[in-house]
Amino acid sequence: MFSAFLALIGLSLFHSVLSQFSPGFPYGSQMVRGVNLGGWLVLEPWITPSIFDNTGNTNIVDEWTFGQYYDRATATTVLQNHWDTWITQDDFANIAAAGLNHVRLPIGYWAFEVGSGEPYIQGQLPYLQKAVQWASQYGLKLIVDLHGAPGSQNGRVLLVSCYDNSGHTMSYPTWQSNQTNIARTDAIIQQIASMFADQPDVVPIIAPLNEPAGYYGSSVLTPLRQYYYDSYGNIRYPYGTSTQSNTVVLLHDAFQPLSYWNGFETTPDFQGVAMDTHIYQVFSNADVQMSWQSHIDTACDTQSTLSDFDLWLMVGEWSPAITDCATYLNGRGNGARYDGSYPGSTYVGSCTGLTGSASTFSSSYKTFLRQFWEAQVISYEKSNGWLMWTWKTESADEWSYLAGLQNGWIPWSPTDLEYPTICG
């Protein structure tokens, strides 16, 4: 426990080493502008639907079932090919050329350790190391993001929306209710912290858990808060001594208002802690029913909240998408709220021309995507920066940073704004 660690090294020594903290990027004085490498080392059906469609098995809905139900040799070959081709050195070159300075790389616990009876296929770690090498080569900072934990940290949102991005879709998360799950996750964070403790100029941040299900209340939030304390000790003190690293600890807000976290792991007792919040406008009936202008207004309205927080703050996931029309976005086999094919939803409109290839997008839609992208960038830069989700997709260009660059709704320099006064 972190409290025991403090007692071990002595509080006065702890305060003295805090003052030495020097992160690998000037957070708070220079803006984070980045993108996520989604769907690479953690499969997501909506990012690469062909991988799932090609199995011919509709029971394969996430990476767990991909290993569980697919022929093992075939699954391993498919994954190896995917890891080799989905993100390459050229992508890092293009990300740097687009004026970005950070990439966030989701990875699952199973890359580091697979327990008895768990069907995951390993082999991701060499690609994590390649990513770090490429980031270094192109002057990018890489955030290692633990996207999936043993037992799943999010399951499904209120038993409605599918969460397949933890690797294992289930009706209710079990990470927080099993101390063995938490201990395994602690050990993996210790391993990640040890791997990159001496590379803060390339890996300045470790995010110990993506999107834990704080919406379930204290049953999740109480163990999560303790896990966040322990993660601070594991990431900032990876050497087993009082010597600290210069690695920033990036905590997800667990879908709580930022005010919930006021005073949590703040200076002077803690340094090098940042908060990650994710902002989407597609995952509720009310979201997809908004007009284009309402989407822009909603983005602009986040500025007051984001500009006043007591930790470094970044919007670690967001998108210019305004519908949930992307194939499998709500989980493989589930429909979309926008066209009424999702259970409990009401028809808003046709998905035609709002998802898929940018070649089907109207000029007015692409103009809106540019406006909405800029409204979000302007607003999220009231915090300490942003990382858009995601760099590329197979068939959902409205979600793709790369497609946005290629089709004109994202500028090749993120400061090259056509609508700088869009928020007033």
Protein backbone atom coordinates (compact mmCIF):
# COMPACT_ATOMS: atom_id res chain seq x y z
CA MET A 1 0.00 0.00 0.00
CA PHE A 2 1.17 3.49 -0.74
CA SER A 3 0.65 4.61 2.86
CA ALA A 4 3.01 1.90 4.06
CA PHE A 5 5.55 3.01 1.47
CA LEU A 6 5.40 6.58 2.81
CA ALA A 7 6.05 5.32 6.30
CA LEU A 8 9.00 3.34 5.02
CA ILE A 9 10.81 6.20 3.32
CA GLY A 10 9.80 8.85 5.85
CA LEU A 11 7.52 11.79 5.15
CA SER A 12 10.27 14.40 5.27
CA LEU A 13 12.32 12.51 2.69
CA PHE A 14 9.17 12.11 0.61
CA HIS A 15 8.65 15.88 0.53
CA SER A 16 12.29 16.46 -0.37
CA VAL A 17 12.23 14.12 -3.35
CA LEU A 18 8.96 15.60 -4.60
CA SER A 19 10.70 18.84 -5.38
CA GLN A 20 12.99 17.03 -7.81
CA PHE A 21 10.20 15.94 -10.13
CA SER A 22 10.91 16.84 -13.76
CA PRO A 23 8.55 15.34 -16.36
CA GLY A 24 9.56 14.55 -19.92
CA PHE A 25 7.18 17.17 -21.30
CA PRO A 26 6.34 20.63 -19.90
CA TYR A 27 2.77 19.81 -18.90
CA GLY A 28 0.89 22.88 -17.81
CA SER A 29 2.97 25.23 -19.94
CA GLN A 30 2.89 23.49 -23.33
CA MET A 31 -0.28 22.10 -24.90
CA VAL A 32 -0.75 18.35 -25.35
CA ARG A 33 -2.00 17.71 -28.88
CA GLY A 34 -2.25 14.06 -29.76
CA VAL A 35 -4.10 11.05 -31.02
CA ASN A 36 -4.94 7.54 -29.82
CA LEU A 37 -3.68 4.41 -31.54
CA GLY A 38 -6.96 2.60 -30.99
CA GLY A 39 -7.61 -0.93 -32.18
CA TRP A 40 -3.96 -1.93 -32.54
CA LEU A 41 -2.80 -3.81 -29.44
CA VAL A 42 -6.37 -4.09 -28.09
CA LEU A 43 -8.90 -5.21 -30.69
CA GLU A 44 -12.15 -3.26 -31.01
CA PRO A 45 -14.74 -4.64 -33.46
CA TRP A 46 -15.84 -1.22 -34.71
CA ILE A 47 -12.29 -0.14 -35.57
CA THR A 48 -11.45 -3.31 -37.51
CA PRO A 49 -14.78 -5.04 -38.24
CA SER A 50 -13.20 -7.26 -40.92
CA ILE A 51 -11.18 -9.15 -38.31
CA PHE A 52 -14.40 -10.16 -36.58
CA ASP A 53 -16.51 -10.67 -39.70
CA ASN A 54 -13.88 -12.99 -41.17
CA THR A 55 -14.23 -15.39 -38.24
CA GLY A 56 -17.70 -16.36 -39.43
CA ASN A 57 -18.74 -16.63 -35.81
CA THR A 58 -21.13 -14.03 -34.38
CA ASN A 59 -20.22 -15.10 -30.83
CA ILE A 60 -16.79 -13.52 -31.32
CA VAL A 61 -17.38 -10.00 -30.02
CA ASP A 62 -14.11 -8.96 -28.33
CA GLU A 63 -10.51 -10.08 -27.90
CA TRP A 64 -11.44 -12.60 -25.19
CA THR A 65 -13.91 -14.45 -27.42
CA PHE A 66 -11.56 -14.07 -30.39
CA GLY A 67 -9.09 -16.26 -28.52
CA GLN A 68 -11.79 -18.45 -27.02
CA TYR A 69 -13.82 -19.44 -30.08
CA TYR A 70 -11.52 -19.01 -33.07
CA ASP A 71 -9.05 -21.62 -34.25
CA ARG A 72 -5.95 -20.87 -32.19
CA ALA A 73 -3.42 -21.04 -34.99
CA THR A 74 -5.57 -18.96 -37.33
CA ALA A 75 -6.30 -16.40 -34.61
CA THR A 76 -2.60 -16.08 -33.85
CA THR A 77 -1.77 -15.54 -37.52
CA VAL A 78 -4.51 -12.93 -37.89
CA LEU A 79 -3.33 -11.03 -34.83
CA GLN A 80 0.29 -11.15 -35.91
CA ASN A 81 -0.59 -9.75 -39.31
CA HIS A 82 -2.76 -7.08 -37.70
CA TRP A 83 0.00 -6.00 -35.31
CA ASP A 84 2.45 -5.87 -38.22
CA THR A 85 0.25 -3.73 -40.46
CA TRP A 86 -2.34 -1.69 -38.56
CA ILE A 87 0.16 0.79 -37.12
CA THR A 88 3.62 1.11 -38.65
CA GLN A 89 6.54 3.49 -38.60
CA ASP A 90 4.87 5.48 -41.38
CA ASP A 91 1.95 6.22 -39.08
CA PHE A 92 4.28 7.73 -36.50
CA ALA A 93 5.92 9.80 -39.24
CA ASN A 94 2.51 11.06 -40.36
CA ILE A 95 1.38 11.81 -36.81
CA ALA A 96 4.48 13.93 -36.25
CA ALA A 97 4.03 15.59 -39.67
CA ALA A 98 0.50 16.55 -38.61
CA GLY A 99 1.93 18.71 -35.83
CA LEU A 100 0.97 16.41 -32.97
CA ASN A 101 3.22 15.80 -29.99
CA HIS A 102 1.63 12.83 -28.16
CA VAL A 103 0.26 9.38 -28.92
CA ARG A 104 -1.75 7.34 -26.44
CA LEU A 105 -1.30 3.60 -26.86
CA PRO A 106 -3.95 1.31 -25.35
CA ILE A 107 -2.69 -2.10 -24.25
CA GLY A 108 -4.35 -4.93 -22.35
CA TYR A 109 -3.14 -6.68 -19.22
CA TRP A 110 -2.87 -9.92 -21.20
CA ALA A 111 0.12 -8.54 -23.09
CA PHE A 112 2.01 -8.92 -19.80
CA GLU A 113 0.36 -11.85 -18.06
CA VAL A 114 -2.37 -14.38 -18.85
CA GLY A 115 -3.98 -16.36 -16.07
CA SER A 116 -5.23 -19.93 -16.06
CA GLY A 117 -8.29 -20.33 -18.25
CA GLU A 118 -7.92 -16.96 -19.92
CA PRO A 119 -7.99 -17.38 -23.73
CA TYR A 120 -6.00 -14.30 -24.70
CA ILE A 121 -3.23 -14.58 -27.27
CA GLN A 122 0.02 -12.85 -26.40
CA GLY A 123 2.66 -11.19 -28.56
CA GLN A 124 1.93 -7.48 -28.17
CA LEU A 125 5.00 -6.42 -26.19
CA PRO A 126 7.47 -6.26 -29.11
CA TYR A 127 5.06 -3.83 -30.78
CA LEU A 128 4.90 -1.69 -27.66
CA GLN A 129 8.68 -1.50 -27.79
CA LYS A 130 8.57 -0.66 -31.51
CA ALA A 131 6.07 2.09 -30.79
CA VAL A 132 8.40 3.58 -28.20
CA GLN A 133 11.30 3.46 -30.67
CA TRP A 134 9.23 5.13 -33.40
CA ALA A 135 7.96 7.77 -30.99
CA SER A 136 11.54 8.57 -30.06
CA GLN A 137 12.58 8.71 -33.70
CA TYR A 138 9.86 11.23 -34.59
CA GLY A 139 9.96 13.32 -31.44
CA LEU A 140 6.61 12.11 -30.11
CA LYS A 141 5.66 11.44 -26.50
CA LEU A 142 3.96 8.09 -25.86
CA ILE A 143 1.38 7.46 -23.16
CA VAL A 144 1.13 3.81 -22.14
CA ASP A 145 -2.53 3.26 -21.31
CA LEU A 146 -3.68 0.09 -19.54
CA HIS A 147 -6.92 -0.33 -21.44
CA GLY A 148 -8.06 -3.67 -20.05
CA ALA A 149 -7.64 -5.13 -16.56
CA PRO A 150 -8.32 -8.63 -15.19
CA GLY A 151 -12.04 -9.11 -14.63
CA SER A 152 -12.87 -6.05 -16.79
CA GLN A 153 -13.07 -2.62 -15.21
CA ASN A 154 -16.17 -1.47 -17.05
CA GLY A 155 -18.31 -4.32 -18.43
CA ARG A 156 -21.39 -2.63 -19.89
CA VAL A 157 -22.63 0.86 -19.11
CA LEU A 158 -25.72 0.30 -16.95
CA LEU A 159 -26.24 -3.02 -18.78
CA VAL A 160 -27.08 -1.18 -21.98
CA SER A 161 -24.11 -0.01 -24.03
CA CYS A 162 -21.46 -2.57 -24.85
CA TYR A 163 -17.96 -2.04 -23.51
CA ASP A 164 -15.75 -4.35 -25.51
CA ASN A 165 -12.64 -2.18 -25.16
CA SER A 166 -11.48 -3.80 -21.93
CA GLY A 167 -10.95 -6.95 -23.99
CA HIS A 168 -13.75 -8.85 -22.23
CA THR A 169 -17.39 -7.86 -22.59
CA MET A 170 -19.50 -8.84 -19.59
CA SER A 171 -22.74 -7.76 -17.94
CA TYR A 172 -21.02 -6.27 -14.89
CA PRO A 173 -17.36 -5.49 -14.21
CA THR A 174 -15.61 -7.76 -11.73
CA TRP A 175 -12.15 -6.15 -11.56
CA GLN A 176 -13.01 -4.16 -8.44
CA SER A 177 -14.69 -7.00 -6.51
CA ASN A 178 -11.77 -9.43 -6.58
CA GLN A 179 -8.59 -8.47 -4.76
CA THR A 180 -6.62 -10.89 -6.91
CA ASN A 181 -7.67 -8.93 -10.00
CA ILE A 182 -6.47 -5.70 -8.42
CA ALA A 183 -3.21 -7.28 -7.24
CA ARG A 184 -2.54 -8.60 -10.74
CA THR A 185 -3.16 -5.13 -12.14
CA ASP A 186 -0.81 -3.59 -9.57
CA ALA A 187 1.91 -6.02 -10.63
CA ILE A 188 1.41 -5.14 -14.31
CA ILE A 189 1.65 -1.41 -13.56
CA GLN A 190 4.85 -2.10 -11.64
CA GLN A 191 6.18 -3.93 -14.70
CA ILE A 192 5.24 -1.11 -17.08
CA ALA A 193 6.71 1.49 -14.73
CA SER A 194 9.95 -0.47 -14.48
CA MET A 195 10.16 -0.87 -18.26
CA PHE A 196 10.00 2.86 -18.89
CA ALA A 197 11.24 4.47 -15.67
CA ASP A 198 14.41 5.65 -17.36
CA GLN A 199 12.74 6.87 -20.56
CA PRO A 200 10.57 9.81 -19.42
CA ASP A 201 11.56 11.83 -22.48
CA VAL A 202 9.75 9.29 -24.67
CA VAL A 203 7.25 7.70 -22.25
CA PRO A 204 6.39 10.59 -19.94
CA ILE A 205 3.01 9.21 -18.81
CA ILE A 206 1.53 5.92 -17.66
CA ALA A 207 -2.26 5.66 -17.36
CA PRO A 208 -2.96 2.86 -14.87
CA LEU A 209 -6.59 2.15 -15.88
CA ASN A 210 -8.86 3.22 -18.74
CA GLU A 211 -12.48 4.13 -18.07
CA PRO A 212 -13.23 2.28 -14.82
CA ALA A 213 -16.97 2.05 -14.19
CA GLY A 214 -17.40 4.73 -11.56
CA TYR A 215 -21.06 5.02 -12.55
CA TYR A 216 -21.69 1.96 -10.37
CA GLY A 217 -20.90 4.03 -7.30
CA SER A 218 -18.87 3.22 -4.21
CA SER A 219 -18.52 -0.48 -5.04
CA VAL A 220 -16.16 0.63 -7.79
CA LEU A 221 -14.99 4.03 -6.58
CA THR A 222 -13.76 2.91 -3.16
CA PRO A 223 -11.35 0.23 -4.43
CA LEU A 224 -10.49 2.45 -7.39
CA ARG A 225 -9.36 5.31 -5.18
CA GLN A 226 -7.07 2.93 -3.28
CA TYR A 227 -5.80 1.53 -6.57
CA TYR A 228 -5.00 5.07 -7.71
CA TYR A 229 -3.01 5.68 -4.52
CA ASP A 230 -1.13 2.43 -5.05
CA SER A 231 -0.55 3.26 -8.71
CA TYR A 232 1.06 6.53 -7.67
CA GLY A 233 3.55 4.59 -5.57
CA ASN A 234 4.11 1.99 -8.28
CA ILE A 235 4.66 4.52 -11.09
CA ARG A 236 6.48 7.29 -9.29
CA TYR A 237 8.67 4.95 -7.20
CA PRO A 238 9.53 2.06 -9.54
CA TYR A 239 12.98 1.31 -8.13
CA GLY A 240 11.95 -0.16 -4.77
CA THR A 241 13.69 2.70 -3.00
CA SER A 242 12.99 6.35 -2.18
CA THR A 243 14.28 7.29 -5.65
CA GLN A 244 11.43 8.60 -7.75
CA SER A 245 10.86 8.44 -11.46
CA ASN A 246 9.85 11.42 -13.56
CA THR A 247 6.81 9.57 -14.94
CA VAL A 248 3.43 11.29 -14.77
CA VAL A 249 0.47 9.30 -13.42
CA LEU A 250 -2.62 9.86 -15.59
CA LEU A 251 -5.85 8.97 -13.79
CA HIS A 252 -9.15 8.54 -15.59
CA ASP A 253 -12.06 10.35 -13.94
CA ALA A 254 -14.16 7.15 -13.86
CA PHE A 255 -17.04 9.06 -15.47
CA GLN A 256 -17.39 11.26 -12.40
CA PRO A 257 -17.67 15.03 -12.58
CA LEU A 258 -14.27 16.64 -12.16
CA SER A 259 -15.49 18.16 -8.91
CA TYR A 260 -15.58 14.64 -7.43
CA TRP A 261 -11.79 14.53 -7.73
CA ASN A 262 -11.07 17.96 -6.29
CA GLY A 263 -8.17 17.65 -3.86
CA PHE A 264 -7.27 14.11 -4.91
CA GLU A 265 -3.50 13.46 -5.17
CA THR A 266 -2.70 17.15 -5.31
CA THR A 267 0.44 19.02 -4.32
CA PRO A 268 2.36 19.27 -2.08
CA ASP A 269 1.95 15.64 -1.01
CA PHE A 270 1.71 14.43 -4.60
CA GLN A 271 3.34 15.66 -7.78
CA GLY A 272 3.21 14.52 -11.37
CA VAL A 273 -0.48 13.54 -11.32
CA ALA A 274 -2.83 14.37 -14.19
CA MET A 275 -6.53 13.70 -14.78
CA ASP A 276 -7.96 12.23 -17.98
CA THR A 277 -11.55 12.94 -19.02
CA HIS A 278 -13.29 11.53 -22.09
CA ILE A 279 -15.94 13.54 -23.92
CA TYR A 280 -18.21 12.03 -26.54
CA GLN A 281 -21.54 13.18 -27.96
CA VAL A 282 -22.81 9.92 -29.46
CA PHE A 283 -23.58 7.42 -26.70
CA SER A 284 -27.10 8.41 -25.66
CA ASN A 285 -30.40 9.01 -27.39
CA ALA A 286 -30.21 12.68 -26.40
CA ASP A 287 -26.73 12.99 -27.91
CA VAL A 288 -27.64 11.68 -31.34
CA GLN A 289 -30.83 13.75 -31.47
CA MET A 290 -28.92 17.05 -31.21
CA SER A 291 -28.65 19.39 -34.17
CA TRP A 292 -25.26 20.09 -35.68
CA GLN A 293 -25.20 23.51 -34.02
CA SER A 294 -26.13 21.98 -30.66
CA HIS A 295 -23.16 19.64 -30.91
CA ILE A 296 -20.88 22.65 -31.44
CA ASP A 297 -22.52 24.58 -28.59
CA THR A 298 -22.17 21.59 -26.27
CA ALA A 299 -18.45 21.38 -27.02
CA CYS A 300 -18.01 25.10 -26.38
CA ASP A 301 -19.88 24.81 -23.10
CA THR A 302 -17.21 22.49 -21.66
CA GLN A 303 -14.71 25.34 -21.41
CA SER A 304 -15.67 26.60 -17.97
CA THR A 305 -15.38 23.15 -16.41
CA LEU A 306 -12.11 22.29 -18.11
CA SER A 307 -10.38 25.57 -17.29
CA ASP A 308 -10.61 25.23 -13.50
CA PHE A 309 -9.17 22.03 -12.06
CA ASP A 310 -6.44 21.39 -9.52
CA LEU A 311 -4.44 18.79 -11.46
CA TRP A 312 -3.06 18.78 -14.96
CA LEU A 313 -6.07 17.90 -17.07
CA MET A 314 -6.38 16.51 -20.56
CA VAL A 315 -9.23 15.27 -22.72
CA GLY A 316 -7.75 11.90 -23.52
CA GLU A 317 -10.55 10.73 -25.83
CA TRP A 318 -13.00 12.64 -28.02
CA SER A 319 -14.19 12.57 -31.61
CA PRO A 320 -15.83 14.72 -34.28
CA ALA A 321 -18.38 11.92 -34.76
CA ILE A 322 -21.98 12.97 -34.01
CA THR A 323 -23.74 9.65 -34.56
CA ASP A 324 -23.25 6.09 -33.34
CA CYS A 325 -23.70 4.82 -36.89
CA ALA A 326 -20.22 3.27 -37.25
CA THR A 327 -20.54 -0.49 -37.69
CA TYR A 328 -20.28 -2.26 -34.30
CA LEU A 329 -19.64 0.97 -32.42
CA ASN A 330 -22.14 -0.17 -29.78
CA GLY A 331 -20.80 -3.70 -29.88
CA ARG A 332 -20.76 -6.37 -32.55
CA GLY A 333 -24.30 -7.25 -33.61
CA ASN A 334 -25.81 -4.16 -31.99
CA GLY A 335 -27.37 -1.41 -34.05
CA ALA A 336 -27.29 2.36 -33.81
CA ARG A 337 -29.42 4.79 -31.84
CA TYR A 338 -29.35 7.23 -34.72
CA ASP A 339 -31.27 5.01 -37.14
CA GLY A 340 -33.39 3.36 -34.44
CA SER A 341 -31.79 -0.09 -34.82
CA TYR A 342 -30.39 -0.06 -31.27
CA PRO A 343 -32.70 -1.41 -28.53
CA GLY A 344 -34.67 1.33 -26.83
CA SER A 345 -33.79 4.01 -29.36
CA THR A 346 -35.97 6.15 -31.60
CA TYR A 347 -35.23 6.83 -35.25
CA VAL A 348 -33.47 10.15 -35.84
CA GLY A 349 -32.31 9.69 -39.41
CA SER A 350 -30.53 7.48 -41.91
CA CYS A 351 -26.89 6.63 -41.30
CA THR A 352 -26.17 6.89 -45.04
CA GLY A 353 -23.58 9.55 -45.71
CA LEU A 354 -22.72 10.01 -42.01
CA THR A 355 -20.36 7.07 -41.57
CA GLY A 356 -18.20 4.83 -43.72
CA SER A 357 -15.99 6.23 -46.46
CA ALA A 358 -15.44 9.98 -46.63
CA SER A 359 -16.18 9.69 -50.34
CA THR A 360 -19.85 9.43 -49.36
CA PHE A 361 -19.76 12.55 -47.16
CA SER A 362 -21.39 15.72 -48.49
CA SER A 363 -19.42 18.95 -48.62
CA SER A 364 -21.72 20.45 -45.97
CA TYR A 365 -21.10 17.47 -43.66
CA LYS A 366 -17.34 17.76 -44.10
CA THR A 367 -17.56 21.49 -43.39
CA PHE A 368 -19.47 20.69 -40.20
CA LEU A 369 -16.87 18.08 -39.19
CA ARG A 370 -14.19 20.78 -39.53
CA GLN A 371 -16.23 23.22 -37.44
CA PHE A 372 -16.99 20.63 -34.76
CA TRP A 373 -13.37 19.48 -34.67
CA GLU A 374 -12.21 23.07 -34.21
CA ALA A 375 -14.83 23.84 -31.55
CA GLN A 376 -13.60 20.87 -29.56
CA VAL A 377 -9.91 21.69 -29.98
CA ILE A 378 -10.49 25.31 -28.93
CA SER A 379 -12.51 24.17 -25.92
CA TYR A 380 -10.28 21.32 -24.82
CA GLU A 381 -7.25 23.59 -24.94
CA LYS A 382 -8.78 25.31 -21.93
CA SER A 383 -7.39 22.25 -20.18
CA ASN A 384 -3.79 21.12 -20.70
CA GLY A 385 -4.55 19.45 -24.00
CA TRP A 386 -6.23 16.63 -25.89
CA LEU A 387 -5.82 13.34 -27.69
CA MET A 388 -8.44 12.50 -30.32
CA TRP A 389 -9.86 9.00 -30.68
CA THR A 390 -8.64 7.58 -33.01
CA TRP A 391 -5.82 7.64 -35.60
CA LYS A 392 -7.41 5.28 -38.13
CA THR A 393 -10.39 3.00 -38.72
CA GLU A 394 -11.29 0.50 -41.40
CA SER A 395 -14.68 1.90 -42.28
CA ALA A 396 -15.67 4.84 -40.07
CA ASP A 397 -13.86 7.85 -41.47
CA GLU A 398 -15.71 10.32 -39.22
CA TRP A 399 -13.74 8.82 -36.32
CA SER A 400 -10.36 8.78 -38.10
CA TYR A 401 -7.75 11.51 -37.61
CA LEU A 402 -5.92 10.22 -40.69
CA ALA A 403 -9.08 10.38 -42.83
CA GLY A 404 -9.75 13.87 -41.52
CA LEU A 405 -6.29 14.98 -42.64
CA GLN A 406 -6.74 13.36 -46.05
CA ASN A 407 -10.21 14.84 -46.61
CA GLY A 408 -9.79 18.31 -45.20
CA TRP A 409 -11.80 18.44 -41.98
CA ILE A 410 -8.63 18.20 -39.89
CA PRO A 411 -5.77 20.61 -40.65
CA TRP A 412 -2.19 19.41 -41.06
CA SER A 413 -1.31 21.78 -38.23
CA PRO A 414 -3.70 21.61 -35.26
CA THR A 415 -3.31 25.36 -34.73
CA ASP A 416 -4.34 26.20 -38.31
CA LEU A 417 -7.96 27.06 -37.53
CA GLU A 418 -10.50 28.24 -40.09
CA TYR A 419 -13.13 29.01 -37.43
CA PRO A 420 -11.17 30.46 -34.50
CA THR A 421 -14.21 32.34 -33.15
CA ILE A 422 -16.67 29.47 -33.47
CA CYS A 423 -17.14 29.41 -29.69
CA GLY A 424 -17.54 33.18 -29.55
